[in-house]
Amino acid sequence: MVADFEGISVKMSEPGADMDALMGKMDRLQVGAGQAGGPAGRGVAQRPPSAVLSRLQWRLREASRCCCRLLSCIHTHACLLQAQLDACNGWEVDRQLDQAMDALR
């Protein structure tokens, strides 16, 4: 049974793994082994540490991918804004406004 859990854990670490299906397999293994009730009958299925670690690693990878997509989007918009500022000579206008404000003070 431990080998089955380890095999599923390895599959969980693969890119594109169907985590819900793999977690279902682990749950079925536990029910089949009579462990679904957990220690002292608490009613909580106990997953082996490697399964929990695999699930956390998967979630971390997904969060990292989301952050990368977000940063890429921010970078793209920053580049577009920079191009627009350069096209209309925005930095020079900003400098001239600062000088005018200083002169008015």
Foldseek 3Di string as FASTA:
>chain_A
DVVLLVVLLVQLQDPPRPLVVSVVVQCVVCVVVVCCLPPPSVRHRDRPPSNVVSVVVNVVVVVVVVVVVVVVVVVVVVVVVVVVCVVVVVVVVVVVVVVVVVVVD
